[in-house]
Amino acid sequence: MTLGYLAKQDLYSLSVDDLDERIAALKAEIVRCEAAKNERGSSKSEAEKLFKF
């Protein structure tokens, strides 16, 4: 599923269990995205240190 699809999906049709599963999946994806962002941030700072004059 794409992010656009998720934002437009009718949540009323989902059961409470489905909503709980969706929330858990979204939270896990947030953690994964934040980890990727932090890795890139540290790579960027390492590269900046390397090329700093």
PDB file of N, CA and C in Angstrom:
ATOM      1  N   MET A   1       0.830  -1.193   0.000  1.00  0.00           N
ATOM      2  CA  MET A   1       0.000   0.000   0.000  1.00  0.00           C
ATOM      3  C   MET A   1       0.868   1.247   0.000  1.00  0.00           C
ATOM      4  N   THR A   2       0.439   2.208  -0.737  1.00  0.00           N
ATOM      5  CA  THR A   2       1.176   3.463  -0.748  1.00  0.00           C
ATOM      6  C   THR A   2       0.661   4.384   0.349  1.00  0.00           C
ATOM      7  N   LEU A   3       1.467   5.358   0.669  1.00  0.00           N
ATOM      8  CA  LEU A   3       1.098   6.311   1.712  1.00  0.00           C
ATOM      9  C   LEU A   3      -0.175   7.067   1.333  1.00  0.00           C
ATOM     10  N   GLY A   4      -0.298   7.430   0.070  1.00  0.00           N
ATOM     11  CA  GLY A   4      -1.493   8.129  -0.394  1.00  0.00           C
ATOM     12  C   GLY A   4      -2.748   7.292  -0.220  1.00  0.00           C
ATOM     13  N   TYR A   5      -2.630   5.998  -0.504  1.00  0.00           N
ATOM     14  CA  TYR A   5      -3.768   5.094  -0.340  1.00  0.00           C
ATOM     15  C   TYR A   5      -4.165   4.994   1.130  1.00  0.00           C
ATOM     16  N   LEU A   6      -3.162   4.873   1.991  1.00  0.00           N
ATOM     17  CA  LEU A   6      -3.445   4.757   3.426  1.00  0.00           C
ATOM     18  C   LEU A   6      -4.174   5.982   3.945  1.00  0.00           C
ATOM     19  N   ALA A   7      -3.780   7.148   3.470  1.00  0.00           N
ATOM     20  CA  ALA A   7      -4.385   8.389   3.947  1.00  0.00           C
ATOM     21  C   ALA A   7      -5.830   8.537   3.487  1.00  0.00           C
ATOM     22  N   LYS A   8      -6.177   7.876   2.386  1.00  0.00           N
ATOM     23  CA  LYS A   8      -7.522   8.018   1.834  1.00  0.00           C
ATOM     24  C   LYS A   8      -8.455   6.869   2.199  1.00  0.00           C
ATOM     25  N   GLN A   9      -7.920   5.798   2.760  1.00  0.00           N
ATOM     26  CA  GLN A   9      -8.732   4.624   3.056  1.00  0.00           C
ATOM     27  C   GLN A   9      -9.787   4.943   4.104  1.00  0.00           C
ATOM     28  N   ASP A  10     -10.993   4.417   3.900  1.00  0.00           N
ATOM     29  CA  ASP A  10     -12.090   4.602   4.842  1.00  0.00           C
ATOM     30  C   ASP A  10     -11.813   3.762   6.077  1.00  0.00           C
ATOM     31  N   LEU A  11     -11.551   4.420   7.191  1.00  0.00           N
ATOM     32  CA  LEU A  11     -11.232   3.714   8.424  1.00  0.00           C
ATOM     33  C   LEU A  11     -12.478   3.147   9.112  1.00  0.00           C
ATOM     34  N   TYR A  12     -13.621   3.673   8.775  1.00  0.00           N
ATOM     35  CA  TYR A  12     -14.862   3.224   9.398  1.00  0.00           C
ATOM     36  C   TYR A  12     -15.144   1.753   9.093  1.00  0.00           C
ATOM     37  N   SER A  13     -14.676   1.299   7.938  1.00  0.00           N
ATOM     38  CA  SER A  13     -14.937  -0.083   7.533  1.00  0.00           C
ATOM     39  C   SER A  13     -14.015  -1.092   8.233  1.00  0.00           C
ATOM     40  N   LEU A  14     -12.994  -0.617   8.941  1.00  0.00           N
ATOM     41  CA  LEU A  14     -12.051  -1.502   9.604  1.00  0.00           C
ATOM     42  C   LEU A  14     -12.522  -1.837  11.016  1.00  0.00           C
ATOM     43  N   SER A  15     -12.248  -3.059  11.428  1.00  0.00           N
ATOM     44  CA  SER A  15     -12.583  -3.459  12.800  1.00  0.00           C
ATOM     45  C   SER A  15     -11.565  -2.856  13.767  1.00  0.00           C
ATOM     46  N   VAL A  16     -11.864  -2.931  15.040  1.00  0.00           N
ATOM     47  CA  VAL A  16     -10.940  -2.432  16.053  1.00  0.00           C
ATOM     48  C   VAL A  16      -9.620  -3.208  15.969  1.00  0.00           C
ATOM     49  N   ASP A  17      -9.695  -4.514  15.777  1.00  0.00           N
ATOM     50  CA  ASP A  17      -8.478  -5.323  15.635  1.00  0.00           C
ATOM     51  C   ASP A  17      -7.672  -4.889  14.408  1.00  0.00           C
ATOM     52  N   ASP A  18      -8.372  -4.627  13.303  1.00  0.00           N
ATOM     53  CA  ASP A  18      -7.684  -4.147  12.102  1.00  0.00           C
ATOM     54  C   ASP A  18      -7.012  -2.800  12.362  1.00  0.00           C
ATOM     55  N   LEU A  19      -7.696  -1.929  13.077  1.00  0.00           N
ATOM     56  CA  LEU A  19      -7.128  -0.614  13.392  1.00  0.00           C
ATOM     57  C   LEU A  19      -5.909  -0.759  14.297  1.00  0.00           C
ATOM     58  N   ASP A  20      -5.981  -1.649  15.284  1.00  0.00           N
ATOM     59  CA  ASP A  20      -4.831  -1.894  16.154  1.00  0.00           C
ATOM     60  C   ASP A  20      -3.639  -2.420  15.356  1.00  0.00           C
ATOM     61  N   GLU A  21      -3.915  -3.338  14.430  1.00  0.00           N
ATOM     62  CA  GLU A  21      -2.850  -3.889  13.577  1.00  0.00           C
ATOM     63  C   GLU A  21      -2.246  -2.802  12.697  1.00  0.00           C
ATOM     64  N   ARG A  22      -3.093  -1.960  12.158  1.00  0.00           N
ATOM     65  CA  ARG A  22      -2.631  -0.862  11.304  1.00  0.00           C
ATOM     66  C   ARG A  22      -1.772   0.123  12.100  1.00  0.00           C
ATOM     67  N   ILE A  23      -2.214   0.464  13.302  1.00  0.00           N
ATOM     68  CA  ILE A  23      -1.452   1.382  14.156  1.00  0.00           C
ATOM     69  C   ILE A  23      -0.085   0.800  14.484  1.00  0.00           C
ATOM     70  N   ALA A  24      -0.047  -0.482  14.830  1.00  0.00           N
ATOM     71  CA  ALA A  24       1.221  -1.142  15.146  1.00  0.00           C
ATOM     72  C   ALA A  24       2.161  -1.132  13.933  1.00  0.00           C
ATOM     73  N   ALA A  25       1.617  -1.404  12.763  1.00  0.00           N
ATOM     74  CA  ALA A  25       2.432  -1.408  11.549  1.00  0.00           C
ATOM     75  C   ALA A  25       2.966  -0.008  11.240  1.00  0.00           C
ATOM     76  N   LEU A  26       2.126   1.000  11.416  1.00  0.00           N
ATOM     77  CA  LEU A  26       2.554   2.376  11.162  1.00  0.00           C
ATOM     78  C   LEU A  26       3.620   2.826  12.157  1.00  0.00           C
ATOM     79  N   LYS A  27       3.463   2.443  13.425  1.00  0.00           N
ATOM     80  CA  LYS A  27       4.467   2.786  14.435  1.00  0.00           C
ATOM     81  C   LYS A  27       5.801   2.111  14.107  1.00  0.00           C
ATOM     82  N   ALA A  28       5.744   0.856  13.679  1.00  0.00           N
ATOM     83  CA  ALA A  28       6.967   0.143  13.297  1.00  0.00           C
ATOM     84  C   ALA A  28       7.632   0.816  12.095  1.00  0.00           C
ATOM     85  N   GLU A  29       6.827   1.295  11.165  1.00  0.00           N
ATOM     86  CA  GLU A  29       7.375   1.973   9.991  1.00  0.00           C
ATOM     87  C   GLU A  29       8.008   3.308  10.381  1.00  0.00           C
ATOM     88  N   ILE A  30       7.414   3.999  11.337  1.00  0.00           N
ATOM     89  CA  ILE A  30       7.991   5.255  11.825  1.00  0.00           C
ATOM     90  C   ILE A  30       9.363   4.993  12.440  1.00  0.00           C
ATOM     91  N   VAL A  31       9.468   3.950  13.251  1.00  0.00           N
ATOM     92  CA  VAL A  31      10.750   3.593  13.866  1.00  0.00           C
ATOM     93  C   VAL A  31      11.777   3.282  12.782  1.00  0.00           C
ATOM     94  N   ARG A  32      11.357   2.533  11.762  1.00  0.00           N
ATOM     95  CA  ARG A  32      12.269   2.174  10.666  1.00  0.00           C
ATOM     96  C   ARG A  32      12.729   3.413   9.895  1.00  0.00           C
ATOM     97  N   CYS A  33      11.813   4.330   9.634  1.00  0.00           N
ATOM     98  CA  CYS A  33      12.155   5.566   8.928  1.00  0.00           C
ATOM     99  C   CYS A  33      13.087   6.443   9.757  1.00  0.00           C
ATOM    100  N   GLU A  34      12.822   6.537  11.050  1.00  0.00           N
ATOM    101  CA  GLU A  34      13.683   7.344  11.918  1.00  0.00           C
ATOM    102  C   GLU A  34      15.091   6.755  11.987  1.00  0.00           C
ATOM    103  N   ALA A  35      15.200   5.439  12.010  1.00  0.00           N
ATOM    104  CA  ALA A  35      16.515   4.791  12.028  1.00  0.00           C
ATOM    105  C   ALA A  35      17.271   5.081  10.731  1.00  0.00           C
ATOM    106  N   ALA A  36      16.582   5.001   9.607  1.00  0.00           N
ATOM    107  CA  ALA A  36      17.215   5.296   8.317  1.00  0.00           C
ATOM    108  C   ALA A  36      17.649   6.756   8.262  1.00  0.00           C
ATOM    109  N   LYS A  37      16.813   7.639   8.773  1.00  0.00           N
ATOM    110  CA  LYS A  37      17.145   9.074   8.802  1.00  0.00           C
ATOM    111  C   LYS A  37      18.372   9.321   9.670  1.00  0.00           C
ATOM    112  N   ASN A  38      18.420   8.687  10.840  1.00  0.00           N
ATOM    113  CA  ASN A  38      19.563   8.864  11.735  1.00  0.00           C
ATOM    114  C   ASN A  38      20.845   8.317  11.125  1.00  0.00           C
ATOM    115  N   GLU A  39      20.750   7.193  10.424  1.00  0.00           N
ATOM    116  CA  GLU A  39      21.929   6.636   9.753  1.00  0.00           C
ATOM    117  C   GLU A  39      22.455   7.592   8.694  1.00  0.00           C
ATOM    118  N   ARG A  40      21.565   8.189   7.955  1.00  0.00           N
ATOM    119  CA  ARG A  40      21.980   9.139   6.914  1.00  0.00           C
ATOM    120  C   ARG A  40      22.563  10.393   7.533  1.00  0.00           C
ATOM    121  N   GLY A  41      22.013  10.801   8.646  1.00  0.00           N
ATOM    122  CA  GLY A  41      22.530  11.980   9.319  1.00  0.00           C
ATOM    123  C   GLY A  41      23.952  11.761   9.788  1.00  0.00           C
ATOM    124  N   SER A  42      24.238  10.579  10.343  1.00  0.00           N
ATOM    125  CA  SER A  42      25.595  10.314  10.818  1.00  0.00           C
ATOM    126  C   SER A  42      26.545  10.142   9.639  1.00  0.00           C
ATOM    127  N   SER A  43      26.070   9.572   8.542  1.00  0.00           N
ATOM    128  CA  SER A  43      26.913   9.441   7.351  1.00  0.00           C
ATOM    129  C   SER A  43      27.252  10.813   6.787  1.00  0.00           C
ATOM    130  N   LYS A  44      26.266  11.692   6.803  1.00  0.00           N
ATOM    131  CA  LYS A  44      26.477  13.044   6.292  1.00  0.00           C
ATOM    132  C   LYS A  44      27.504  13.776   7.147  1.00  0.00           C
ATOM    133  N   SER A  45      27.375  13.670   8.468  1.00  0.00           N
ATOM    134  CA  SER A  45      28.320  14.382   9.328  1.00  0.00           C
ATOM    135  C   SER A  45      29.724  13.807   9.189  1.00  0.00           C
ATOM    136  N   GLU A  46      29.840  12.499   8.990  1.00  0.00           N
ATOM    137  CA  GLU A  46      31.152  11.892   8.766  1.00  0.00           C
ATOM    138  C   GLU A  46      31.758  12.393   7.459  1.00  0.00           C
ATOM    139  N   ALA A  47      30.943  12.509   6.425  1.00  0.00           N
ATOM    140  CA  ALA A  47      31.436  13.011   5.142  1.00  0.00           C
ATOM    141  C   ALA A  47      31.841  14.485   5.267  1.00  0.00           C
ATOM    142  N   GLU A  48      31.070  15.254   6.010  1.00  0.00           N
ATOM    143  CA  GLU A  48      31.411  16.669   6.207  1.00  0.00           C
ATOM    144  C   GLU A  48      32.738  16.807   6.941  1.00  0.00           C
ATOM    145  N   LYS A  49      32.992  15.954   7.928  1.00  0.00           N
ATOM    146  CA  LYS A  49      34.250  15.992   8.653  1.00  0.00           C
ATOM    147  C   LYS A  49      35.416  15.655   7.732  1.00  0.00           C
ATOM    148  N   LEU A  50      35.190  14.706   6.838  1.00  0.00           N
ATOM    149  CA  LEU A  50      36.231  14.261   5.928  1.00  0.00           C
ATOM    150  C   LEU A  50      36.647  15.381   4.967  1.00  0.00           C
ATOM    151  N   PHE A  51      35.680  16.156   4.498  1.00  0.00           N
ATOM    152  CA  PHE A  51      35.966  17.177   3.494  1.00  0.00           C
ATOM    153  C   PHE A  51      36.092  18.581   4.073  1.00  0.00           C
ATOM    154  N   LYS A  52      36.102  18.714   5.391  1.00  0.00           N
ATOM    155  CA  LYS A  52      36.235  20.011   6.020  1.00  0.00           C
ATOM    156  C   LYS A  52      37.691  20.471   5.942  1.00  0.00           C
ATOM    157  N   PHE A  53      37.863  21.675   5.518  1.00  0.00           N
ATOM    158  CA  PHE A  53      39.217  22.240   5.396  1.00  0.00           C
ATOM    159  C   PHE A  53      39.461  23.297   6.422  1.00  0.00           C
TER     160      PHE A  53
END
